């Protein structure tokens, strides 16, 4: 339970930081303290490039999905009341910020632009071997997803789980 709580707190810190931090002009200028505090040793976290990105719809969608942690998994589900499956969580979060997406992980794989693993940012969609599962990148190597029947929406660290090894692609829904 402590590990789960720590992951949730870290994920909240990453998302909250993206909403309130002053703009940084580059990765090396003005970001070091943010990374050490919010990302706890995850150097791939990127600070927003300009003020317009602070409230980016991707970040809003990720924050909304993160708030659903603990909601039960339900195949075909796409609401907090009924529960979520993996693509239903993504669809619901993005719908809340005005973006309509398909409710199918394979269909989601054709949405937006391909993102290399080294350029992931909050709100990117993460796809896994077989394209049968999708999660939402939070930054700092963390993902929020609805795993499978009997589980609930959760935050996981990609590097510390099998998901990191099974990652086959990422897509960016909104290009800002």
N, C-alpha and C. Protein backbone atom coordinates (compact mmCIF):
# COMPACT_ATOMS: atom_id res chain seq x y z
N UNK A 1 0.82 -1.19 0.00
CA UNK A 1 0.00 0.00 0.00
C UNK A 1 0.86 1.26 0.00
N UNK A 2 1.97 1.23 0.70
CA UNK A 2 2.84 2.40 0.73
C UNK A 2 3.39 2.71 -0.65
N UNK A 3 3.74 1.68 -1.41
CA UNK A 3 4.26 1.89 -2.76
C UNK A 3 3.19 2.53 -3.64
N UNK A 4 1.96 2.05 -3.53
CA UNK A 4 0.86 2.61 -4.32
C UNK A 4 0.62 4.06 -3.95
N UNK A 5 0.61 4.37 -2.67
CA UNK A 5 0.42 5.73 -2.21
C UNK A 5 1.55 6.63 -2.70
N UNK A 6 2.77 6.15 -2.61
CA UNK A 6 3.92 6.93 -3.08
C UNK A 6 3.81 7.22 -4.57
N UNK A 7 3.40 6.23 -5.37
CA UNK A 7 3.22 6.44 -6.81
C UNK A 7 2.13 7.45 -7.10
N UNK A 8 1.02 7.36 -6.37
CA UNK A 8 -0.06 8.32 -6.56
C UNK A 8 0.38 9.73 -6.21
N UNK A 9 1.07 9.88 -5.09
CA UNK A 9 1.55 11.20 -4.70
C UNK A 9 2.54 11.76 -5.71
N UNK A 10 3.43 10.93 -6.22
CA UNK A 10 4.39 11.37 -7.23
C UNK A 10 3.65 11.78 -8.50
N UNK A 11 2.68 10.99 -8.91
CA UNK A 11 1.92 11.32 -10.12
C UNK A 11 1.17 12.63 -9.94
N UNK A 12 0.54 12.84 -8.78
CA UNK A 12 -0.15 14.09 -8.52
C UNK A 12 0.84 15.25 -8.57
N UNK A 13 2.02 15.07 -8.01
CA UNK A 13 3.02 16.14 -8.01
C UNK A 13 3.45 16.49 -9.43
N UNK A 14 3.65 15.49 -10.27
CA UNK A 14 4.06 15.73 -11.66
C UNK A 14 2.98 16.50 -12.40
N UNK A 15 1.73 16.04 -12.30
CA UNK A 15 0.63 16.72 -12.99
C UNK A 15 0.39 18.12 -12.42
N UNK A 16 0.40 18.25 -11.12
CA UNK A 16 0.17 19.56 -10.50
C UNK A 16 1.28 20.54 -10.88
N UNK A 17 2.50 20.05 -10.95
CA UNK A 17 3.61 20.91 -11.31
C UNK A 17 3.46 21.45 -12.72
N UNK A 18 2.95 20.63 -13.61
CA UNK A 18 2.76 21.07 -14.99
C UNK A 18 1.73 22.19 -15.07
N UNK A 19 0.85 22.26 -14.09
CA UNK A 19 -0.20 23.28 -14.13
C UNK A 19 0.21 24.58 -13.45
N UNK A 20 1.18 24.57 -12.53
CA UNK A 20 1.46 25.77 -11.76
C UNK A 20 2.88 26.31 -11.88
N UNK A 21 3.77 25.60 -12.47
CA UNK A 21 5.16 26.08 -12.53
C UNK A 21 5.32 27.23 -13.52
N UNK A 22 6.22 28.15 -13.25
CA UNK A 22 6.52 29.20 -14.22
C UNK A 22 7.21 28.58 -15.42
N UNK A 23 7.10 29.23 -16.60
CA UNK A 23 7.70 28.66 -17.79
C UNK A 23 9.22 28.56 -17.67
N UNK A 24 9.75 27.49 -18.21
CA UNK A 24 11.20 27.32 -18.28
C UNK A 24 11.58 27.41 -19.75
N UNK A 25 12.68 28.10 -20.04
CA UNK A 25 13.04 28.29 -21.43
C UNK A 25 13.76 27.10 -22.01
N UNK A 26 14.31 26.26 -21.18
CA UNK A 26 14.96 25.06 -21.70
C UNK A 26 14.99 24.01 -20.61
N UNK A 27 15.39 22.82 -20.97
CA UNK A 27 15.48 21.72 -20.02
C UNK A 27 16.47 22.03 -18.91
N UNK A 28 17.56 22.68 -19.23
CA UNK A 28 18.60 22.90 -18.24
C UNK A 28 18.43 24.19 -17.45
N UNK A 29 17.60 25.09 -17.92
CA UNK A 29 17.48 26.38 -17.27
C UNK A 29 16.19 26.44 -16.45
N UNK A 30 16.29 26.41 -15.16
CA UNK A 30 15.14 26.59 -14.29
C UNK A 30 14.33 25.34 -14.00
N UNK A 31 14.82 24.18 -14.36
CA UNK A 31 14.01 22.98 -14.20
C UNK A 31 14.60 22.01 -13.20
N UNK A 32 15.87 22.11 -12.90
CA UNK A 32 16.53 21.13 -12.05
C UNK A 32 15.83 20.88 -10.73
N UNK A 33 15.41 21.94 -10.05
CA UNK A 33 14.76 21.73 -8.76
C UNK A 33 13.41 21.07 -8.93
N UNK A 34 12.70 21.41 -9.98
CA UNK A 34 11.40 20.79 -10.23
C UNK A 34 11.56 19.30 -10.46
N UNK A 35 12.55 18.93 -11.26
CA UNK A 35 12.77 17.52 -11.53
C UNK A 35 13.13 16.77 -10.26
N UNK A 36 14.01 17.33 -9.45
CA UNK A 36 14.42 16.61 -8.25
C UNK A 36 13.29 16.47 -7.24
N UNK A 37 12.41 17.46 -7.15
CA UNK A 37 11.32 17.39 -6.19
C UNK A 37 10.15 16.59 -6.74
N UNK A 38 9.67 16.92 -7.94
CA UNK A 38 8.46 16.31 -8.46
C UNK A 38 8.70 14.97 -9.13
N UNK A 39 9.83 14.81 -9.77
CA UNK A 39 10.03 13.60 -10.55
C UNK A 39 10.84 12.54 -9.83
N UNK A 40 11.39 12.86 -8.71
CA UNK A 40 12.12 11.90 -7.87
C UNK A 40 13.06 11.02 -8.68
N UNK A 41 13.94 11.66 -9.44
CA UNK A 41 14.95 10.90 -10.15
C UNK A 41 14.55 10.40 -11.52
N UNK A 42 13.51 10.94 -12.11
CA UNK A 42 13.10 10.53 -13.46
C UNK A 42 13.47 11.64 -14.43
N UNK A 43 14.68 11.60 -15.02
CA UNK A 43 15.17 12.71 -15.82
C UNK A 43 14.42 12.94 -17.13
N UNK A 44 13.56 11.99 -17.56
CA UNK A 44 12.87 12.21 -18.82
C UNK A 44 11.68 13.18 -18.68
N UNK A 45 11.36 13.60 -17.47
CA UNK A 45 10.28 14.55 -17.28
C UNK A 45 10.69 15.86 -17.93
N UNK A 46 9.79 16.42 -18.69
CA UNK A 46 10.07 17.68 -19.37
C UNK A 46 9.19 18.78 -18.79
N UNK A 47 9.77 19.93 -18.56
CA UNK A 47 9.00 21.07 -18.10
C UNK A 47 8.29 21.68 -19.30
N UNK A 48 7.16 22.34 -19.08
CA UNK A 48 6.48 23.02 -20.17
C UNK A 48 7.40 24.05 -20.82
N UNK A 49 7.30 24.18 -22.15
CA UNK A 49 8.16 25.10 -22.87
C UNK A 49 7.66 26.54 -22.79
N UNK A 50 6.37 26.74 -22.66
CA UNK A 50 5.84 28.09 -22.59
C UNK A 50 4.53 28.09 -21.80
N UNK A 51 4.06 29.28 -21.47
CA UNK A 51 2.87 29.40 -20.64
C UNK A 51 1.66 28.75 -21.28
N UNK A 52 1.59 28.72 -22.61
CA UNK A 52 0.45 28.11 -23.30
C UNK A 52 0.33 26.63 -23.04
N UNK A 53 1.43 25.99 -22.67
CA UNK A 53 1.38 24.55 -22.42
C UNK A 53 0.92 24.20 -21.02
N UNK A 54 0.88 25.18 -20.09
CA UNK A 54 0.54 24.86 -18.71
C UNK A 54 -0.84 24.22 -18.60
N UNK A 55 -1.76 24.70 -19.32
CA UNK A 55 -3.11 24.18 -19.27
C UNK A 55 -3.42 23.37 -20.52
N UNK A 56 -2.41 22.81 -21.13
CA UNK A 56 -2.61 22.01 -22.33
C UNK A 56 -3.65 20.94 -22.06
N UNK A 57 -4.43 20.66 -23.07
CA UNK A 57 -5.48 19.66 -22.90
C UNK A 57 -4.92 18.29 -22.56
N UNK A 58 -3.71 18.00 -23.04
CA UNK A 58 -3.10 16.71 -22.70
C UNK A 58 -2.88 16.59 -21.20
N UNK A 59 -2.38 17.65 -20.59
CA UNK A 59 -2.12 17.65 -19.16
C UNK A 59 -3.43 17.59 -18.38
N UNK A 60 -4.42 18.30 -18.85
CA UNK A 60 -5.73 18.25 -18.20
C UNK A 60 -6.31 16.84 -18.26
N UNK A 61 -6.21 16.20 -19.43
CA UNK A 61 -6.72 14.83 -19.58
C UNK A 61 -5.98 13.88 -18.64
N UNK A 62 -4.66 14.02 -18.56
CA UNK A 62 -3.87 13.16 -17.68
C UNK A 62 -4.26 13.36 -16.23
N UNK A 63 -4.47 14.61 -15.82
CA UNK A 63 -4.87 14.90 -14.45
C UNK A 63 -6.23 14.30 -14.13
N UNK A 64 -7.15 14.41 -15.07
CA UNK A 64 -8.48 13.82 -14.88
C UNK A 64 -8.40 12.30 -14.76
N UNK A 65 -7.61 11.68 -15.63
CA UNK A 65 -7.45 10.23 -15.56
C UNK A 65 -6.83 9.82 -14.23
N UNK A 66 -5.87 10.58 -13.78
CA UNK A 66 -5.22 10.31 -12.51
C UNK A 66 -6.21 10.36 -11.35
N UNK A 67 -7.14 11.27 -11.41
CA UNK A 67 -8.16 11.38 -10.36
C UNK A 67 -9.06 10.14 -10.30
N UNK A 68 -9.05 9.35 -11.34
CA UNK A 68 -9.89 8.15 -11.39
C UNK A 68 -9.21 6.94 -10.74
N UNK A 69 -7.99 7.13 -10.23
CA UNK A 69 -7.30 6.03 -9.54
C UNK A 69 -8.22 5.45 -8.48
N UNK A 70 -8.32 4.12 -8.47
CA UNK A 70 -9.19 3.44 -7.52
C UNK A 70 -10.54 3.07 -8.10
N UNK A 71 -10.91 3.64 -9.26
CA UNK A 71 -12.17 3.30 -9.92
C UNK A 71 -12.05 1.88 -10.46
N UNK A 72 -13.03 1.03 -10.23
CA UNK A 72 -12.93 -0.36 -10.67
C UNK A 72 -12.84 -0.51 -12.19
N UNK A 73 -12.13 -1.55 -12.61
CA UNK A 73 -12.07 -1.92 -14.02
C UNK A 73 -13.42 -2.54 -14.40
N UNK A 74 -13.90 -2.18 -15.57
CA UNK A 74 -15.07 -2.84 -16.14
C UNK A 74 -14.90 -2.85 -17.64
N UNK A 75 -14.93 -4.04 -18.23
CA UNK A 75 -14.78 -4.16 -19.68
C UNK A 75 -15.87 -3.36 -20.36
N UNK A 76 -15.48 -2.50 -21.31
CA UNK A 76 -16.42 -1.64 -22.02
C UNK A 76 -16.79 -0.38 -21.26
N UNK A 77 -16.30 -0.23 -20.03
CA UNK A 77 -16.67 0.92 -19.22
C UNK A 77 -15.94 2.18 -19.63
N UNK A 78 -16.65 3.29 -19.55
CA UNK A 78 -16.04 4.57 -19.87
C UNK A 78 -16.61 5.71 -19.03
N UNK A 79 -16.89 5.42 -17.76
CA UNK A 79 -17.35 6.48 -16.88
C UNK A 79 -16.96 6.16 -15.43
N UNK A 80 -16.83 7.21 -14.61
CA UNK A 80 -16.50 6.98 -13.20
C UNK A 80 -17.58 6.18 -12.48
N UNK A 81 -18.82 6.32 -12.91
CA UNK A 81 -19.92 5.61 -12.25
C UNK A 81 -19.91 4.12 -12.57
N UNK A 82 -19.64 3.77 -13.82
CA UNK A 82 -19.71 2.36 -14.22
C UNK A 82 -18.36 1.66 -14.18
N UNK A 83 -17.28 2.42 -14.13
CA UNK A 83 -15.94 1.84 -14.19
C UNK A 83 -15.33 2.06 -15.56
N UNK A 84 -14.07 1.65 -15.71
CA UNK A 84 -13.34 1.89 -16.94
C UNK A 84 -12.63 0.64 -17.42
N UNK A 85 -12.52 0.49 -18.73
CA UNK A 85 -11.50 -0.38 -19.28
C UNK A 85 -10.39 0.56 -19.77
N UNK A 86 -9.31 0.03 -20.32
CA UNK A 86 -8.16 0.88 -20.62
C UNK A 86 -8.48 1.99 -21.62
N UNK A 87 -9.10 1.65 -22.73
CA UNK A 87 -9.40 2.68 -23.74
C UNK A 87 -10.56 3.56 -23.29
N UNK A 88 -11.45 3.03 -22.45
CA UNK A 88 -12.55 3.83 -21.92
C UNK A 88 -12.05 4.94 -21.02
N UNK A 89 -11.01 4.67 -20.23
CA UNK A 89 -10.40 5.69 -19.38
C UNK A 89 -9.82 6.82 -20.24
N UNK A 90 -9.10 6.43 -21.29
CA UNK A 90 -8.50 7.42 -22.19
C UNK A 90 -9.59 8.25 -22.86
N UNK A 91 -10.59 7.57 -23.40
CA UNK A 91 -11.69 8.24 -24.09
C UNK A 91 -12.39 9.23 -23.15
N UNK A 92 -12.70 8.78 -21.93
CA UNK A 92 -13.40 9.63 -20.98
C UNK A 92 -12.56 10.87 -20.63
N UNK A 93 -11.28 10.68 -20.32
CA UNK A 93 -10.43 11.80 -19.92
C UNK A 93 -10.31 12.84 -21.03
N UNK A 94 -10.09 12.38 -22.25
CA UNK A 94 -9.97 13.33 -23.36
C UNK A 94 -11.31 13.96 -23.72
N UNK A 95 -12.40 13.24 -23.56
CA UNK A 95 -13.72 13.81 -23.84
C UNK A 95 -13.99 14.98 -22.90
N UNK A 96 -13.52 14.88 -21.65
CA UNK A 96 -13.73 15.95 -20.67
C UNK A 96 -13.06 17.25 -21.09
N UNK A 97 -12.03 17.17 -21.94
CA UNK A 97 -11.33 18.38 -22.39
C UNK A 97 -11.66 18.70 -23.85
N UNK A 98 -12.76 18.10 -24.35
CA UNK A 98 -13.26 18.46 -25.67
C UNK A 98 -12.68 17.69 -26.84
N UNK A 99 -12.05 16.56 -26.59
CA UNK A 99 -11.46 15.77 -27.67
C UNK A 99 -12.13 14.41 -27.70
N UNK A 100 -12.73 14.08 -28.82
CA UNK A 100 -13.43 12.80 -28.98
C UNK A 100 -12.46 11.77 -29.55
N UNK A 101 -12.35 10.64 -28.87
CA UNK A 101 -11.46 9.56 -29.29
C UNK A 101 -12.25 8.25 -29.38
N UNK A 102 -11.73 7.30 -30.15
CA UNK A 102 -12.40 5.99 -30.21
C UNK A 102 -12.23 5.20 -28.92
N UNK A 103 -13.13 4.27 -28.69
CA UNK A 103 -13.07 3.41 -27.50
C UNK A 103 -12.54 2.05 -27.93
N UNK A 104 -11.28 2.03 -28.34
CA UNK A 104 -10.65 0.81 -28.79
C UNK A 104 -9.15 1.08 -28.88
N UNK A 105 -8.34 0.27 -28.22
CA UNK A 105 -6.89 0.54 -28.19
C UNK A 105 -6.27 0.46 -29.58
N UNK A 106 -6.73 -0.45 -30.43
CA UNK A 106 -6.17 -0.54 -31.78
C UNK A 106 -6.54 0.69 -32.61
N UNK A 107 -7.76 1.18 -32.47
CA UNK A 107 -8.17 2.39 -33.18
C UNK A 107 -7.41 3.61 -32.66
N UNK A 108 -7.15 3.66 -31.37
CA UNK A 108 -6.39 4.77 -30.79
C UNK A 108 -4.97 4.83 -31.35
N UNK A 109 -4.45 3.68 -31.75
CA UNK A 109 -3.07 3.62 -32.25
C UNK A 109 -2.90 4.41 -33.56
N UNK A 110 -3.99 4.76 -34.21
CA UNK A 110 -3.88 5.55 -35.45
C UNK A 110 -4.18 7.03 -35.22
N UNK A 111 -4.44 7.42 -33.98
CA UNK A 111 -4.78 8.81 -33.65
C UNK A 111 -3.51 9.60 -33.40
N UNK A 112 -3.49 10.86 -33.85
CA UNK A 112 -2.40 11.77 -33.52
C UNK A 112 -1.09 11.44 -34.22
N UNK A 113 -0.01 11.80 -33.56
CA UNK A 113 1.33 11.63 -34.11
C UNK A 113 2.14 10.64 -33.30
N UNK A 114 3.00 9.91 -33.98
CA UNK A 114 3.92 8.99 -33.32
C UNK A 114 4.90 9.81 -32.47
N UNK A 115 5.18 9.30 -31.27
CA UNK A 115 6.13 9.95 -30.37
C UNK A 115 7.20 8.95 -29.99
N UNK A 116 8.48 9.28 -30.19
CA UNK A 116 9.54 8.38 -29.74
C UNK A 116 9.53 8.27 -28.21
N UNK A 117 9.94 7.15 -27.71
CA UNK A 117 9.97 6.91 -26.26
C UNK A 117 10.78 7.97 -25.52
N UNK A 118 11.80 8.49 -26.16
CA UNK A 118 12.65 9.49 -25.52
C UNK A 118 12.01 10.88 -25.47
N UNK A 119 10.88 11.07 -26.14
CA UNK A 119 10.23 12.39 -26.20
C UNK A 119 8.83 12.38 -25.56
N UNK A 120 8.55 11.40 -24.73
CA UNK A 120 7.23 11.32 -24.10
C UNK A 120 6.96 12.53 -23.23
N UNK A 121 5.70 12.93 -23.21
CA UNK A 121 5.29 13.99 -22.30
C UNK A 121 3.89 13.67 -21.77
N UNK A 122 3.52 14.35 -20.71
CA UNK A 122 2.25 14.13 -20.05
C UNK A 122 1.10 14.15 -21.05
N UNK A 123 0.26 13.11 -20.98
CA UNK A 123 -0.90 13.02 -21.85
C UNK A 123 -0.71 12.15 -23.07
N UNK A 124 0.52 11.70 -23.34
CA UNK A 124 0.74 10.81 -24.49
C UNK A 124 0.12 9.45 -24.20
N UNK A 125 -0.37 8.81 -25.26
CA UNK A 125 -0.95 7.48 -25.15
C UNK A 125 0.16 6.45 -25.30
N UNK A 126 0.16 5.45 -24.44
CA UNK A 126 1.18 4.39 -24.47
C UNK A 126 0.52 3.08 -24.87
N UNK A 127 1.14 2.38 -25.82
CA UNK A 127 0.60 1.13 -26.35
C UNK A 127 1.56 -0.02 -26.08
N UNK A 128 0.98 -1.17 -25.86
CA UNK A 128 1.77 -2.32 -25.46
C UNK A 128 1.60 -3.47 -26.43
N UNK A 129 2.53 -4.43 -26.39
CA UNK A 129 2.58 -5.53 -27.35
C UNK A 129 1.19 -6.10 -27.59
N UNK A 130 0.88 -6.29 -28.87
CA UNK A 130 -0.42 -6.79 -29.29
C UNK A 130 -1.46 -5.70 -29.45
N UNK A 131 -1.16 -4.48 -29.04
CA UNK A 131 -2.06 -3.33 -29.08
C UNK A 131 -3.38 -3.59 -28.36
N UNK A 132 -3.36 -4.50 -27.40
CA UNK A 132 -4.56 -4.79 -26.64
C UNK A 132 -4.68 -3.97 -25.37
N UNK A 133 -3.71 -3.11 -25.11
CA UNK A 133 -3.75 -2.31 -23.88
C UNK A 133 -3.17 -0.93 -24.16
N UNK A 134 -3.75 0.08 -23.52
CA UNK A 134 -3.30 1.46 -23.66
C UNK A 134 -3.32 2.13 -22.29
N UNK A 135 -2.35 3.00 -22.06
CA UNK A 135 -2.28 3.78 -20.83
C UNK A 135 -2.00 5.22 -21.17
N UNK A 136 -2.02 6.07 -20.17
CA UNK A 136 -1.81 7.50 -20.36
C UNK A 136 -0.56 7.90 -19.58
N UNK A 137 0.42 8.46 -20.28
CA UNK A 137 1.69 8.84 -19.67
C UNK A 137 1.49 10.06 -18.77
N UNK A 138 2.06 10.02 -17.56
CA UNK A 138 1.94 11.11 -16.60
C UNK A 138 3.20 11.94 -16.48
N UNK A 139 4.30 11.44 -17.03
CA UNK A 139 5.60 12.07 -16.81
C UNK A 139 6.34 11.29 -15.75
N UNK A 140 7.63 11.50 -15.67
CA UNK A 140 8.43 10.86 -14.64
C UNK A 140 8.45 9.35 -14.71
N UNK A 141 8.19 8.79 -15.89
CA UNK A 141 8.18 7.34 -16.05
C UNK A 141 6.92 6.67 -15.51
N UNK A 142 5.89 7.46 -15.21
CA UNK A 142 4.65 6.93 -14.64
C UNK A 142 3.53 6.89 -15.67
N UNK A 143 2.64 5.93 -15.48
CA UNK A 143 1.48 5.77 -16.35
C UNK A 143 0.25 5.52 -15.49
N UNK A 144 -0.89 6.07 -15.91
CA UNK A 144 -2.17 5.74 -15.30
C UNK A 144 -2.92 4.88 -16.31
N UNK A 145 -3.55 3.82 -15.82
CA UNK A 145 -4.27 2.91 -16.72
C UNK A 145 -5.28 2.10 -15.94
N UNK A 146 -6.19 1.48 -16.70
CA UNK A 146 -7.15 0.54 -16.14
C UNK A 146 -6.67 -0.84 -16.56
N UNK A 147 -6.05 -1.62 -15.67
CA UNK A 147 -5.31 -2.81 -16.07
C UNK A 147 -6.15 -3.99 -16.58
N UNK A 148 -7.00 -4.55 -15.75
CA UNK A 148 -7.78 -5.72 -16.16
C UNK A 148 -8.83 -6.03 -15.10
N UNK A 149 -9.72 -6.93 -15.43
CA UNK A 149 -10.82 -7.30 -14.54
C UNK A 149 -10.29 -7.70 -13.16
N UNK A 150 -10.96 -7.21 -12.14
CA UNK A 150 -10.57 -7.50 -10.76
C UNK A 150 -9.64 -6.45 -10.18
N UNK A 151 -9.13 -5.54 -11.01
CA UNK A 151 -8.25 -4.46 -10.55
C UNK A 151 -8.97 -3.13 -10.71
N UNK A 152 -8.31 -2.07 -10.31
CA UNK A 152 -8.85 -0.71 -10.43
C UNK A 152 -7.86 0.15 -11.19
N UNK A 153 -8.32 1.32 -11.63
CA UNK A 153 -7.43 2.29 -12.27
C UNK A 153 -6.27 2.54 -11.32
N UNK A 154 -5.06 2.49 -11.85
CA UNK A 154 -3.87 2.61 -11.01
C UNK A 154 -2.77 3.36 -11.72
N UNK A 155 -1.80 3.78 -10.94
CA UNK A 155 -0.59 4.41 -11.44
C UNK A 155 0.54 3.41 -11.28
N UNK A 156 1.32 3.22 -12.35
CA UNK A 156 2.47 2.31 -12.29
C UNK A 156 3.70 3.01 -12.84
N UNK A 157 4.82 2.56 -12.38
CA UNK A 157 6.10 3.03 -12.91
C UNK A 157 6.51 2.08 -14.02
N UNK A 158 6.68 2.61 -15.21
CA UNK A 158 6.97 1.76 -16.37
C UNK A 158 8.22 0.91 -16.16
N UNK A 159 9.28 1.51 -15.67
CA UNK A 159 10.55 0.80 -15.53
C UNK A 159 10.49 -0.31 -14.48
N UNK A 160 9.58 -0.20 -13.53
CA UNK A 160 9.52 -1.17 -12.43
C UNK A 160 8.49 -2.28 -12.69
N UNK A 161 7.85 -2.24 -13.86
CA UNK A 161 6.83 -3.24 -14.17
C UNK A 161 7.09 -3.85 -15.54
N UNK A 162 6.33 -4.86 -15.85
CA UNK A 162 6.42 -5.49 -17.15
C UNK A 162 5.96 -4.56 -18.28
N UNK A 163 5.20 -3.53 -17.95
CA UNK A 163 4.71 -2.61 -18.98
C UNK A 163 5.86 -1.93 -19.71
N UNK A 164 6.91 -1.57 -19.01
CA UNK A 164 8.04 -0.92 -19.66
C UNK A 164 8.67 -1.78 -20.74
N UNK A 165 8.75 -3.07 -20.50
CA UNK A 165 9.33 -3.99 -21.50
C UNK A 165 8.38 -4.25 -22.66
N UNK A 166 7.08 -4.11 -22.41
CA UNK A 166 6.09 -4.41 -23.44
C UNK A 166 5.66 -3.20 -24.25
N UNK A 167 6.17 -2.01 -23.93
CA UNK A 167 5.81 -0.79 -24.65
C UNK A 167 6.25 -0.88 -26.10
N UNK A 168 5.31 -0.71 -27.02
CA UNK A 168 5.62 -0.81 -28.45
C UNK A 168 5.42 0.49 -29.20
N UNK A 169 4.79 1.47 -28.57
CA UNK A 169 4.59 2.74 -29.26
C UNK A 169 3.89 3.75 -28.40
N UNK A 170 3.97 4.99 -28.84
CA UNK A 170 3.30 6.09 -28.16
C UNK A 170 2.76 7.06 -29.21
N UNK A 171 1.65 7.68 -28.89
CA UNK A 171 1.02 8.65 -29.78
C UNK A 171 0.68 9.91 -28.99
N UNK A 172 0.80 11.04 -29.66
CA UNK A 172 0.42 12.32 -29.07
C UNK A 172 -0.88 12.76 -29.73
N UNK A 173 -1.92 12.89 -28.93
CA UNK A 173 -3.24 13.23 -29.46
C UNK A 173 -3.29 14.67 -29.93
N UNK A 174 -2.81 15.59 -29.12
CA UNK A 174 -2.87 17.01 -29.43
C UNK A 174 -1.46 17.51 -29.68
N UNK A 175 -1.27 18.25 -30.74
CA UNK A 175 0.05 18.84 -30.98
C UNK A 175 -0.04 20.32 -30.68
N UNK A 176 0.69 20.75 -29.64
CA UNK A 176 0.64 22.16 -29.24
C UNK A 176 1.92 22.86 -29.61
